[in-house]
Amino acid sequence: MTNRLKRKNTYTIFSLIAAAVLFSAGSHLGFNQIPEWIEIISAVAAVVFLPAVAQLLANLLPNQIKCKLIFLRWKNEMPGSRAHKLCETDPRINVENASRVWPKLFCANTTEKDRNRIWYQDIYRLVQDTPQVYQSHGSFLLYRDAFAGLFILFCTSVLFYLFKIELGGTGELAIEAVLALAFSTALAMIVARNMGNRFVVNAIAVAL
C-alpha cells in the first residue's frame, strides 16, 4: 500500500518542490524574471523527467531518517509512540473508552516502542483500507517526501552559499534564496508532522 500511495503522490511532490524552487529562484534573481524562467523550464523539461527527479530527491533519505528529522526525535520518532497523548487533543476520541479497548496503548508503563507496535498491529492494520485512514496515510507520505526533497535542496543551497559557488551566469547564490528554501523546508516539516499525528488519531477514531 505504501508504494501505491507514493506513486500516487509523485506529481504532487514535484509540484510542491517546484513551487519552492521557483520561490527561491525569485528571491535570487528577482520575481520579475519568474515568468521567463517558467517558460524556459516548461520548454526544456519533459513531463516524465521532472517528477522523476523530484521522486529521486525525496528518496535520497531513508524513511527512518525523514521521520527523525520531521518529529525531531532520535528514538521512537513515529507518532504512534505517542498515540495516547495525541488522542487527548482529538475531540472525536473518548479517551476513557479507548483505554478500555486498548489498555496497553494507554498504560503509562508501556514503552514508546511497544506503544507504536500496538497502534500499528492492533489498530492501523485493521482499518488501513478505510477512506479516512487511507487518505490521511497518503497525506503524511506526501508531505514527508516533499520535506525530504526540500531538505536536500536546502542543504545543497547552504553549501553553494558558503563556498560561493556560482550558478551559471546568475552569479553566487543570494542569501535570500537560501532563506526561501529554509522557509519552504520548515513549512513542509510542520505540515508533515501534523499529517503524521492526524494519521495516528484518525486510525484510532475509525477503529473505535
N, C-alpha and C. Protein backbone atom coordinates (compact mmCIF):
# COMPACT_ATOMS: atom_id res chain seq x y z
N MET A 1 0.82 -1.20 0.00
CA MET A 1 0.00 0.00 0.00
C MET A 1 0.86 1.26 0.00
N THR A 2 1.94 1.25 0.77
CA THR A 2 2.81 2.43 0.86
C THR A 2 3.37 2.80 -0.50
N ASN A 3 3.83 1.80 -1.27
CA ASN A 3 4.37 2.08 -2.60
C ASN A 3 3.31 2.65 -3.53
N ARG A 4 2.07 2.16 -3.41
CA ARG A 4 0.99 2.66 -4.25
C ARG A 4 0.68 4.12 -3.91
N LEU A 5 0.69 4.44 -2.63
CA LEU A 5 0.45 5.81 -2.22
C LEU A 5 1.57 6.74 -2.67
N LYS A 6 2.81 6.25 -2.59
CA LYS A 6 3.95 7.08 -3.01
C LYS A 6 3.91 7.36 -4.50
N ARG A 7 3.54 6.36 -5.30
CA ARG A 7 3.43 6.58 -6.74
C ARG A 7 2.32 7.59 -7.05
N LYS A 8 1.24 7.50 -6.30
CA LYS A 8 0.12 8.43 -6.49
C LYS A 8 0.53 9.86 -6.16
N ASN A 9 1.47 10.02 -5.23
CA ASN A 9 1.89 11.35 -4.77
C ASN A 9 2.98 11.98 -5.62
N THR A 10 3.52 11.24 -6.59
CA THR A 10 4.72 11.70 -7.30
C THR A 10 4.57 13.09 -7.90
N TYR A 11 3.49 13.32 -8.63
CA TYR A 11 3.33 14.60 -9.32
C TYR A 11 3.05 15.74 -8.34
N THR A 12 2.37 15.43 -7.24
CA THR A 12 2.12 16.47 -6.23
C THR A 12 3.42 16.85 -5.53
N ILE A 13 4.27 15.86 -5.26
CA ILE A 13 5.58 16.15 -4.66
C ILE A 13 6.38 17.04 -5.58
N PHE A 14 6.36 16.71 -6.88
CA PHE A 14 7.06 17.55 -7.86
C PHE A 14 6.53 18.98 -7.83
N SER A 15 5.22 19.13 -7.76
CA SER A 15 4.62 20.47 -7.76
C SER A 15 5.05 21.27 -6.53
N LEU A 16 5.07 20.61 -5.37
CA LEU A 16 5.47 21.30 -4.14
C LEU A 16 6.95 21.71 -4.20
N ILE A 17 7.80 20.80 -4.65
CA ILE A 17 9.22 21.12 -4.74
C ILE A 17 9.47 22.19 -5.79
N ALA A 18 8.77 22.10 -6.94
CA ALA A 18 8.94 23.09 -8.00
C ALA A 18 8.51 24.47 -7.52
N ALA A 19 7.42 24.54 -6.76
CA ALA A 19 6.96 25.83 -6.24
C ALA A 19 8.00 26.44 -5.30
N ALA A 20 8.62 25.59 -4.46
CA ALA A 20 9.65 26.09 -3.54
C ALA A 20 10.89 26.55 -4.31
N VAL A 21 11.25 25.82 -5.36
CA VAL A 21 12.41 26.20 -6.17
C VAL A 21 12.15 27.53 -6.88
N LEU A 22 10.95 27.71 -7.41
CA LEU A 22 10.61 28.97 -8.07
C LEU A 22 10.62 30.13 -7.07
N PHE A 23 10.15 29.87 -5.86
CA PHE A 23 10.17 30.88 -4.80
C PHE A 23 11.62 31.26 -4.49
N SER A 24 12.49 30.25 -4.39
CA SER A 24 13.90 30.51 -4.13
C SER A 24 14.55 31.23 -5.30
N ALA A 25 14.21 30.82 -6.53
CA ALA A 25 14.77 31.46 -7.72
C ALA A 25 14.33 32.92 -7.80
N GLY A 26 13.09 33.18 -7.43
CA GLY A 26 12.61 34.55 -7.42
C GLY A 26 13.35 35.40 -6.41
N SER A 27 13.69 34.80 -5.26
CA SER A 27 14.45 35.51 -4.25
C SER A 27 15.87 35.80 -4.73
N HIS A 28 16.39 34.92 -5.56
CA HIS A 28 17.76 35.06 -6.05
C HIS A 28 17.86 36.01 -7.24
N LEU A 29 16.93 35.87 -8.18
CA LEU A 29 17.02 36.62 -9.44
C LEU A 29 16.11 37.84 -9.49
N GLY A 30 15.10 37.84 -8.64
CA GLY A 30 14.08 38.88 -8.73
C GLY A 30 12.81 38.27 -9.30
N PHE A 31 11.69 38.54 -8.66
CA PHE A 31 10.44 37.89 -9.06
C PHE A 31 9.94 38.36 -10.42
N ASN A 32 10.45 39.49 -10.90
CA ASN A 32 10.03 39.96 -12.22
C ASN A 32 10.54 39.05 -13.34
N GLN A 33 11.53 38.19 -13.03
CA GLN A 33 12.06 37.28 -14.04
C GLN A 33 11.45 35.88 -13.97
N ILE A 34 10.58 35.65 -12.99
CA ILE A 34 9.98 34.34 -12.82
C ILE A 34 9.20 33.89 -14.06
N PRO A 35 8.35 34.74 -14.66
CA PRO A 35 7.63 34.27 -15.88
C PRO A 35 8.57 33.75 -16.96
N GLU A 36 9.71 34.42 -17.14
CA GLU A 36 10.68 33.98 -18.14
C GLU A 36 11.23 32.61 -17.79
N TRP A 37 11.51 32.41 -16.50
CA TRP A 37 12.05 31.12 -16.06
C TRP A 37 11.03 30.00 -16.21
N ILE A 38 9.76 30.32 -15.96
CA ILE A 38 8.72 29.31 -16.11
C ILE A 38 8.64 28.85 -17.56
N GLU A 39 8.78 29.78 -18.49
CA GLU A 39 8.76 29.43 -19.91
C GLU A 39 9.94 28.55 -20.27
N ILE A 40 11.11 28.88 -19.71
CA ILE A 40 12.30 28.08 -20.00
C ILE A 40 12.14 26.66 -19.47
N ILE A 41 11.68 26.56 -18.21
CA ILE A 41 11.51 25.24 -17.59
C ILE A 41 10.49 24.42 -18.36
N SER A 42 9.39 25.06 -18.77
CA SER A 42 8.34 24.34 -19.49
C SER A 42 8.84 23.86 -20.85
N ALA A 43 9.70 24.64 -21.48
CA ALA A 43 10.19 24.28 -22.82
C ALA A 43 11.21 23.16 -22.75
N VAL A 44 12.04 23.16 -21.70
CA VAL A 44 13.16 22.22 -21.64
C VAL A 44 12.77 20.90 -20.98
N ALA A 45 11.94 20.99 -19.94
CA ALA A 45 11.68 19.82 -19.11
C ALA A 45 10.67 18.88 -19.76
N ALA A 46 10.92 17.61 -19.66
CA ALA A 46 9.97 16.61 -20.14
C ALA A 46 8.96 16.35 -19.03
N VAL A 47 7.77 15.94 -19.40
CA VAL A 47 6.71 15.72 -18.43
C VAL A 47 7.08 14.61 -17.45
N VAL A 48 7.78 13.60 -17.93
CA VAL A 48 8.15 12.48 -17.07
C VAL A 48 9.43 12.76 -16.30
N PHE A 49 10.34 13.54 -16.87
CA PHE A 49 11.67 13.73 -16.29
C PHE A 49 11.62 14.47 -14.95
N LEU A 50 10.92 15.59 -14.90
CA LEU A 50 10.92 16.39 -13.67
C LEU A 50 10.30 15.67 -12.48
N PRO A 51 9.14 15.01 -12.63
CA PRO A 51 8.63 14.24 -11.50
C PRO A 51 9.60 13.15 -11.04
N ALA A 52 10.32 12.56 -11.99
CA ALA A 52 11.31 11.53 -11.62
C ALA A 52 12.43 12.12 -10.79
N VAL A 53 12.87 13.33 -11.13
CA VAL A 53 13.91 14.00 -10.35
C VAL A 53 13.40 14.32 -8.95
N ALA A 54 12.16 14.80 -8.88
CA ALA A 54 11.56 15.11 -7.58
C ALA A 54 11.47 13.86 -6.71
N GLN A 55 11.07 12.74 -7.32
CA GLN A 55 10.98 11.48 -6.58
C GLN A 55 12.36 11.02 -6.14
N LEU A 56 13.37 11.24 -6.98
CA LEU A 56 14.74 10.88 -6.62
C LEU A 56 15.20 11.67 -5.40
N LEU A 57 14.93 12.97 -5.39
CA LEU A 57 15.30 13.80 -4.25
C LEU A 57 14.59 13.32 -2.98
N ALA A 58 13.31 13.00 -3.13
CA ALA A 58 12.52 12.58 -1.97
C ALA A 58 13.01 11.26 -1.39
N ASN A 59 13.64 10.43 -2.24
CA ASN A 59 14.06 9.10 -1.79
C ASN A 59 15.54 9.01 -1.45
N LEU A 60 16.25 10.13 -1.50
CA LEU A 60 17.67 10.10 -1.14
C LEU A 60 17.86 9.79 0.34
N LEU A 61 16.92 10.22 1.16
CA LEU A 61 17.00 9.96 2.59
C LEU A 61 16.19 8.71 2.93
N PRO A 62 16.70 7.84 3.80
CA PRO A 62 15.91 6.69 4.26
C PRO A 62 14.66 7.18 5.00
N ASN A 63 13.59 6.41 4.94
CA ASN A 63 12.34 6.81 5.58
C ASN A 63 12.51 7.07 7.08
N GLN A 64 13.34 6.27 7.72
CA GLN A 64 13.55 6.44 9.15
C GLN A 64 14.19 7.79 9.46
N ILE A 65 15.14 8.21 8.62
CA ILE A 65 15.80 9.50 8.82
C ILE A 65 14.81 10.64 8.57
N LYS A 66 13.98 10.49 7.55
CA LYS A 66 12.96 11.51 7.28
C LYS A 66 12.10 11.75 8.52
N CYS A 67 11.65 10.67 9.13
CA CYS A 67 10.76 10.80 10.28
C CYS A 67 11.51 11.36 11.50
N LYS A 68 12.76 11.00 11.66
CA LYS A 68 13.55 11.57 12.77
C LYS A 68 13.68 13.08 12.62
N LEU A 69 13.89 13.54 11.40
CA LEU A 69 14.01 14.97 11.15
C LEU A 69 12.67 15.67 11.33
N ILE A 70 11.60 15.08 10.84
CA ILE A 70 10.29 15.70 10.91
C ILE A 70 9.81 15.84 12.35
N PHE A 71 9.96 14.79 13.13
CA PHE A 71 9.46 14.80 14.50
C PHE A 71 10.52 15.22 15.52
N LEU A 72 11.74 15.49 15.02
CA LEU A 72 12.84 15.97 15.86
C LEU A 72 13.08 15.05 17.06
N ARG A 73 13.07 13.75 16.78
CA ARG A 73 13.33 12.75 17.82
C ARG A 73 14.29 11.72 17.25
N TRP A 74 15.33 11.38 18.01
CA TRP A 74 16.29 10.40 17.53
C TRP A 74 15.79 8.98 17.73
N LYS A 75 15.03 8.73 18.81
CA LYS A 75 14.48 7.41 19.09
C LYS A 75 12.96 7.48 19.14
N ASN A 76 12.32 6.38 18.73
CA ASN A 76 10.86 6.30 18.79
C ASN A 76 10.20 7.53 18.18
N GLU A 77 10.63 7.84 16.97
CA GLU A 77 10.16 9.06 16.32
C GLU A 77 8.74 8.97 15.78
N MET A 78 8.24 7.77 15.50
CA MET A 78 6.93 7.64 14.88
C MET A 78 5.82 8.10 15.82
N PRO A 79 4.82 8.80 15.30
CA PRO A 79 3.77 9.37 16.16
C PRO A 79 2.94 8.33 16.89
N GLY A 80 2.94 7.09 16.38
CA GLY A 80 2.24 6.04 17.11
C GLY A 80 2.80 5.81 18.50
N SER A 81 4.06 6.19 18.69
CA SER A 81 4.69 6.06 20.01
C SER A 81 4.06 6.99 21.03
N ARG A 82 3.36 8.00 20.55
CA ARG A 82 2.73 8.99 21.43
C ARG A 82 1.22 9.03 21.22
N ALA A 83 0.67 7.90 20.78
CA ALA A 83 -0.74 7.84 20.42
C ALA A 83 -1.65 8.23 21.58
N HIS A 84 -1.29 7.81 22.81
CA HIS A 84 -2.15 8.09 23.96
C HIS A 84 -2.27 9.59 24.22
N LYS A 85 -1.18 10.33 24.00
CA LYS A 85 -1.21 11.78 24.21
C LYS A 85 -1.92 12.48 23.06
N LEU A 86 -1.73 11.99 21.85
CA LEU A 86 -2.39 12.60 20.70
C LEU A 86 -3.91 12.46 20.79
N CYS A 87 -4.38 11.36 21.35
CA CYS A 87 -5.82 11.14 21.49
C CYS A 87 -6.46 12.20 22.39
N GLU A 88 -5.71 12.70 23.35
CA GLU A 88 -6.26 13.69 24.27
C GLU A 88 -6.58 15.01 23.59
N THR A 89 -5.98 15.25 22.42
CA THR A 89 -6.20 16.51 21.71
C THR A 89 -7.28 16.40 20.64
N ASP A 90 -7.84 15.20 20.45
CA ASP A 90 -8.84 15.00 19.40
C ASP A 90 -10.23 14.83 20.02
N PRO A 91 -11.16 15.74 19.74
CA PRO A 91 -12.50 15.67 20.35
C PRO A 91 -13.32 14.47 19.90
N ARG A 92 -12.93 13.80 18.83
CA ARG A 92 -13.68 12.64 18.35
C ARG A 92 -13.45 11.42 19.22
N ILE A 93 -12.37 11.43 19.99
CA ILE A 93 -11.96 10.24 20.72
C ILE A 93 -12.26 10.39 22.20
N ASN A 94 -13.03 9.46 22.71
CA ASN A 94 -13.27 9.37 24.15
C ASN A 94 -12.14 8.53 24.73
N VAL A 95 -11.23 9.19 25.41
CA VAL A 95 -10.02 8.52 25.90
C VAL A 95 -10.36 7.40 26.86
N GLU A 96 -11.40 7.60 27.67
CA GLU A 96 -11.78 6.56 28.63
C GLU A 96 -12.23 5.29 27.91
N ASN A 97 -13.05 5.47 26.87
CA ASN A 97 -13.49 4.31 26.09
C ASN A 97 -12.32 3.65 25.35
N ALA A 98 -11.46 4.49 24.77
CA ALA A 98 -10.32 3.97 24.02
C ALA A 98 -9.37 3.19 24.93
N SER A 99 -9.20 3.65 26.15
CA SER A 99 -8.29 2.97 27.09
C SER A 99 -8.85 1.63 27.53
N ARG A 100 -10.17 1.47 27.49
CA ARG A 100 -10.76 0.17 27.80
C ARG A 100 -10.58 -0.81 26.65
N VAL A 101 -10.63 -0.28 25.42
CA VAL A 101 -10.46 -1.15 24.24
C VAL A 101 -9.00 -1.57 24.08
N TRP A 102 -8.09 -0.62 24.29
CA TRP A 102 -6.65 -0.89 24.13
C TRP A 102 -5.92 -0.45 25.41
N PRO A 103 -6.05 -1.20 26.49
CA PRO A 103 -5.45 -0.78 27.77
C PRO A 103 -3.93 -0.60 27.72
N LYS A 104 -3.25 -1.46 26.96
CA LYS A 104 -1.78 -1.35 26.90
C LYS A 104 -1.34 -0.09 26.16
N LEU A 105 -2.15 0.35 25.19
CA LEU A 105 -1.81 1.55 24.43
C LEU A 105 -1.80 2.78 25.34
N PHE A 106 -2.70 2.79 26.31
CA PHE A 106 -2.84 3.96 27.18
C PHE A 106 -2.18 3.77 28.54
N CYS A 107 -1.56 2.62 28.74
CA CYS A 107 -0.86 2.37 30.01
C CYS A 107 0.41 3.20 30.08
N ALA A 108 0.60 3.88 31.22
CA ALA A 108 1.77 4.75 31.39
C ALA A 108 3.07 3.96 31.39
N ASN A 109 3.00 2.67 31.73
CA ASN A 109 4.22 1.85 31.80
C ASN A 109 4.61 1.24 30.46
N THR A 110 3.77 1.39 29.45
CA THR A 110 4.09 0.87 28.12
C THR A 110 5.19 1.71 27.49
N THR A 111 6.20 1.04 26.96
CA THR A 111 7.29 1.79 26.32
C THR A 111 6.81 2.39 25.00
N GLU A 112 7.49 3.42 24.56
CA GLU A 112 7.10 4.07 23.30
C GLU A 112 7.20 3.11 22.13
N LYS A 113 8.22 2.28 22.15
CA LYS A 113 8.39 1.29 21.08
C LYS A 113 7.22 0.32 21.04
N ASP A 114 6.81 -0.17 22.20
CA ASP A 114 5.69 -1.11 22.26
C ASP A 114 4.38 -0.42 21.91
N ARG A 115 4.25 0.84 22.31
CA ARG A 115 3.01 1.57 22.01
C ARG A 115 2.84 1.75 20.50
N ASN A 116 3.93 2.06 19.82
CA ASN A 116 3.86 2.19 18.36
C ASN A 116 3.52 0.86 17.71
N ARG A 117 4.09 -0.22 18.24
CA ARG A 117 3.80 -1.55 17.71
C ARG A 117 2.33 -1.90 17.91
N ILE A 118 1.79 -1.60 19.09
CA ILE A 118 0.38 -1.89 19.38
C ILE A 118 -0.52 -1.09 18.44
N TRP A 119 -0.20 0.19 18.25
CA TRP A 119 -1.01 1.02 17.36
C TRP A 119 -1.00 0.45 15.94
N TYR A 120 0.17 0.03 15.49
CA TYR A 120 0.30 -0.46 14.12
C TYR A 120 -0.43 -1.80 13.94
N GLN A 121 -0.18 -2.75 14.84
CA GLN A 121 -0.71 -4.10 14.67
C GLN A 121 -2.19 -4.22 15.05
N ASP A 122 -2.58 -3.57 16.15
CA ASP A 122 -3.93 -3.76 16.69
C ASP A 122 -4.93 -2.73 16.20
N ILE A 123 -4.45 -1.64 15.62
CA ILE A 123 -5.37 -0.59 15.20
C ILE A 123 -5.23 -0.31 13.70
N TYR A 124 -4.07 0.16 13.29
CA TYR A 124 -3.90 0.60 11.90
C TYR A 124 -4.19 -0.52 10.91
N ARG A 125 -3.65 -1.70 11.13
CA ARG A 125 -3.80 -2.79 10.16
C ARG A 125 -5.25 -3.20 9.97
N LEU A 126 -6.08 -2.94 10.97
CA LEU A 126 -7.50 -3.31 10.88
C LEU A 126 -8.31 -2.30 10.06
N VAL A 127 -7.82 -1.06 9.97
CA VAL A 127 -8.61 0.00 9.32
C VAL A 127 -7.85 0.67 8.19
N GLN A 128 -6.74 0.09 7.76
CA GLN A 128 -5.88 0.77 6.79
C GLN A 128 -6.55 1.02 5.44
N ASP A 129 -7.57 0.24 5.10
CA ASP A 129 -8.23 0.40 3.81
C ASP A 129 -9.45 1.30 3.86
N THR A 130 -9.78 1.81 5.03
CA THR A 130 -10.93 2.73 5.11
C THR A 130 -10.54 4.07 4.48
N PRO A 131 -11.48 4.77 3.86
CA PRO A 131 -11.15 6.01 3.14
C PRO A 131 -10.43 7.05 3.99
N GLN A 132 -10.89 7.24 5.22
CA GLN A 132 -10.30 8.28 6.06
C GLN A 132 -8.85 7.97 6.42
N VAL A 133 -8.57 6.73 6.75
CA VAL A 133 -7.21 6.34 7.13
C VAL A 133 -6.31 6.29 5.89
N TYR A 134 -6.85 5.76 4.80
CA TYR A 134 -6.08 5.70 3.55
C TYR A 134 -5.65 7.10 3.10
N GLN A 135 -6.59 8.04 3.16
CA GLN A 135 -6.28 9.41 2.74
C GLN A 135 -5.27 10.08 3.66
N SER A 136 -5.44 9.91 4.97
CA SER A 136 -4.52 10.55 5.91
C SER A 136 -3.12 9.93 5.82
N HIS A 137 -3.05 8.63 5.53
CA HIS A 137 -1.76 7.98 5.32
C HIS A 137 -1.07 8.57 4.09
N GLY A 138 -1.85 8.73 3.02
CA GLY A 138 -1.30 9.31 1.80
C GLY A 138 -0.82 10.74 2.00
N SER A 139 -1.56 11.52 2.78
CA SER A 139 -1.15 12.91 3.04
C SER A 139 0.15 12.96 3.83
N PHE A 140 0.28 12.07 4.79
CA PHE A 140 1.52 12.02 5.58
C PHE A 140 2.71 11.68 4.69
N LEU A 141 2.56 10.65 3.85
CA LEU A 141 3.66 10.26 2.96
C LEU A 141 3.99 11.38 1.98
N LEU A 142 2.97 12.07 1.50
CA LEU A 142 3.17 13.17 0.56
C LEU A 142 4.07 14.25 1.16
N TYR A 143 3.70 14.75 2.32
CA TYR A 143 4.46 15.85 2.91
C TYR A 143 5.77 15.39 3.52
N ARG A 144 5.83 14.13 3.94
CA ARG A 144 7.10 13.58 4.41
C ARG A 144 8.13 13.57 3.29
N ASP A 145 7.71 13.09 2.11
CA ASP A 145 8.64 13.00 0.98
C ASP A 145 8.94 14.38 0.39
N ALA A 146 7.94 15.27 0.40
CA ALA A 146 8.18 16.64 -0.07
C ALA A 146 9.20 17.32 0.83
N PHE A 147 9.07 17.11 2.14
CA PHE A 147 10.04 17.66 3.08
C PHE A 147 11.43 17.13 2.79
N ALA A 148 11.54 15.83 2.53
CA ALA A 148 12.85 15.23 2.28
C ALA A 148 13.51 15.86 1.06
N GLY A 149 12.74 16.02 -0.03
CA GLY A 149 13.30 16.65 -1.22
C GLY A 149 13.73 18.08 -0.97
N LEU A 150 12.91 18.84 -0.26
CA LEU A 150 13.25 20.23 0.05
C LEU A 150 14.45 20.32 0.99
N PHE A 151 14.54 19.37 1.91
CA PHE A 151 15.66 19.37 2.85
C PHE A 151 16.98 19.16 2.10
N ILE A 152 16.97 18.26 1.12
CA ILE A 152 18.17 18.04 0.30
C ILE A 152 18.53 19.30 -0.46
N LEU A 153 17.53 19.96 -1.05
CA LEU A 153 17.79 21.19 -1.79
C LEU A 153 18.29 22.29 -0.87
N PHE A 154 17.72 22.39 0.32
CA PHE A 154 18.17 23.41 1.27
C PHE A 154 19.62 23.19 1.67
N CYS A 155 19.98 21.95 2.00
CA CYS A 155 21.37 21.65 2.38
C CYS A 155 22.32 21.97 1.23
N THR A 156 21.89 21.65 0.00
CA THR A 156 22.71 21.96 -1.17
C THR A 156 22.88 23.46 -1.33
N SER A 157 21.81 24.22 -1.11
CA SER A 157 21.89 25.68 -1.25
C SER A 157 22.82 26.28 -0.20
N VAL A 158 22.82 25.71 1.00
CA VAL A 158 23.73 26.20 2.05
C VAL A 158 25.18 26.00 1.63
N LEU A 159 25.48 24.83 1.06
CA LEU A 159 26.84 24.55 0.59
C LEU A 159 27.23 25.51 -0.54
N PHE A 160 26.31 25.73 -1.47
CA PHE A 160 26.57 26.67 -2.57
C PHE A 160 26.85 28.07 -2.03
N TYR A 161 26.09 28.47 -1.02
CA TYR A 161 26.26 29.82 -0.47
C TYR A 161 27.57 29.94 0.31
N LEU A 162 27.87 28.95 1.15
CA LEU A 162 29.07 29.02 1.98
C LEU A 162 30.34 28.98 1.15
N PHE A 163 30.33 28.16 0.10
CA PHE A 163 31.53 28.02 -0.73
C PHE A 163 31.51 28.94 -1.95
N LYS A 164 30.50 29.83 -1.99
CA LYS A 164 30.40 30.86 -3.04
C LYS A 164 30.49 30.26 -4.44
N ILE A 165 29.74 29.18 -4.64
CA ILE A 165 29.70 28.54 -5.94
C ILE A 165 28.75 29.31 -6.85
N GLU A 166 29.22 29.65 -8.05
CA GLU A 166 28.40 30.42 -8.97
C GLU A 166 27.43 29.52 -9.73
N LEU A 167 26.26 30.08 -10.00
CA LEU A 167 25.21 29.36 -10.71
C LEU A 167 25.15 29.86 -12.15
N GLY A 168 25.94 29.27 -13.00
CA GLY A 168 25.95 29.68 -14.40
C GLY A 168 26.25 31.16 -14.53
N GLY A 169 25.36 31.86 -15.23
CA GLY A 169 25.57 33.29 -15.42
C GLY A 169 24.82 34.14 -14.42
N THR A 170 24.28 33.52 -13.37
CA THR A 170 23.48 34.28 -12.40
C THR A 170 24.30 34.71 -11.19
N GLY A 171 25.57 34.34 -11.13
CA GLY A 171 26.42 34.73 -10.01
C GLY A 171 26.26 33.81 -8.82
N GLU A 172 26.81 34.24 -7.68
CA GLU A 172 26.72 33.44 -6.46
C GLU A 172 25.30 33.44 -5.92
N LEU A 173 24.98 32.37 -5.23
CA LEU A 173 23.63 32.21 -4.69
C LEU A 173 23.37 33.26 -3.61
N ALA A 174 22.27 33.97 -3.74
CA ALA A 174 21.91 35.01 -2.78
C ALA A 174 21.39 34.38 -1.49
N ILE A 175 21.64 35.05 -0.37
CA ILE A 175 21.17 34.55 0.92
C ILE A 175 19.65 34.47 0.94
N GLU A 176 18.98 35.36 0.19
CA GLU A 176 17.51 35.33 0.13
C GLU A 176 17.00 34.01 -0.43
N ALA A 177 17.75 33.45 -1.39
CA ALA A 177 17.35 32.17 -1.99
C ALA A 177 17.48 31.04 -0.97
N VAL A 178 18.54 31.09 -0.17
CA VAL A 178 18.73 30.08 0.88
C VAL A 178 17.62 30.18 1.92
N LEU A 179 17.30 31.39 2.31
CA LEU A 179 16.25 31.60 3.31
C LEU A 179 14.88 31.16 2.78
N ALA A 180 14.67 31.39 1.48
CA ALA A 180 13.40 30.96 0.88
C ALA A 180 13.27 29.44 0.95
N LEU A 181 14.35 28.72 0.66
CA LEU A 181 14.32 27.26 0.76
C LEU A 181 14.19 26.81 2.21
N ALA A 182 14.83 27.54 3.12
CA ALA A 182 14.72 27.22 4.55
C ALA A 182 13.27 27.34 5.00
N PHE A 183 12.61 28.41 4.57
CA PHE A 183 11.20 28.62 4.92
C PHE A 183 10.33 27.51 4.36
N SER A 184 10.54 27.15 3.10
CA SER A 184 9.75 26.10 2.46
C SER A 184 9.96 24.76 3.14
N THR A 185 11.21 24.48 3.52
CA THR A 185 11.53 23.21 4.18
C THR A 185 10.89 23.15 5.56
N ALA A 186 10.97 24.23 6.31
CA ALA A 186 10.36 24.27 7.65
C ALA A 186 8.85 24.13 7.56
N LEU A 187 8.26 24.77 6.57
CA LEU A 187 6.80 24.66 6.39
C LEU A 187 6.39 23.23 6.07
N ALA A 188 7.14 22.59 5.18
CA ALA A 188 6.85 21.19 4.83
C ALA A 188 7.02 20.28 6.05
N MET A 189 8.00 20.56 6.89
CA MET A 189 8.24 19.75 8.08
C MET A 189 7.06 19.86 9.04
N ILE A 190 6.56 21.07 9.25
CA ILE A 190 5.44 21.27 10.16
C ILE A 190 4.18 20.58 9.65
N VAL A 191 3.92 20.73 8.35
CA VAL A 191 2.74 20.09 7.77
C VAL A 191 2.87 18.57 7.85
N ALA A 192 4.05 18.03 7.55
CA ALA A 192 4.26 16.59 7.61
C ALA A 192 4.06 16.07 9.03
N ARG A 193 4.54 16.81 10.00
CA ARG A 193 4.36 16.41 11.40
C ARG A 193 2.88 16.39 11.77
N ASN A 194 2.16 17.42 11.37
CA ASN A 194 0.73 17.48 11.65
C ASN A 194 -0.02 16.35 10.96
N MET A 195 0.36 16.05 9.71
CA MET A 195 -0.30 14.97 8.98
C MET A 195 -0.01 13.61 9.62
N GLY A 196 1.21 13.44 10.13
CA GLY A 196 1.57 12.19 10.80
C GLY A 196 0.76 11.99 12.07
N ASN A 197 0.62 13.05 12.85
CA ASN A 197 -0.18 12.98 14.07
C ASN A 197 -1.65 12.70 13.75
N ARG A 198 -2.14 13.37 12.71
CA ARG A 198 -3.54 13.17 12.33
C ARG A 198 -3.78 11.76 11.83
N PHE A 199 -2.81 11.20 11.13
CA PHE A 199 -2.88 9.83 10.64
C PHE A 199 -3.10 8.86 11.79
N VAL A 200 -2.37 9.06 12.87
CA VAL A 200 -2.47 8.18 14.03
C VAL A 200 -3.84 8.27 14.68
N VAL A 201 -4.31 9.49 14.95
CA VAL A 201 -5.60 9.64 15.64
C VAL A 201 -6.77 9.26 14.73
N ASN A 202 -6.63 9.46 13.42
CA ASN A 202 -7.71 9.04 12.51
C ASN A 202 -7.91 7.54 12.56
N ALA A 203 -6.80 6.79 12.61
CA ALA A 203 -6.90 5.34 12.68
C ALA A 203 -7.62 4.91 13.97
N ILE A 204 -7.29 5.56 15.07
CA ILE A 204 -7.92 5.23 16.35
C ILE A 204 -9.39 5.61 16.33
N ALA A 205 -9.71 6.79 15.80
CA ALA A 205 -11.11 7.25 15.74
C ALA A 205 -11.96 6.31 14.90
N VAL A 206 -11.41 5.83 13.79
CA VAL A 206 -12.16 4.92 12.92
C VAL A 206 -12.30 3.56 13.57
N ALA A 207 -11.28 3.10 14.27
CA ALA A 207 -11.28 1.77 14.86
C ALA A 207 -12.19 1.67 16.08
N LEU A 208 -12.47 2.79 16.75
CA LEU A 208 -13.33 2.74 17.93
C LEU A 208 -14.77 2.34 17.58
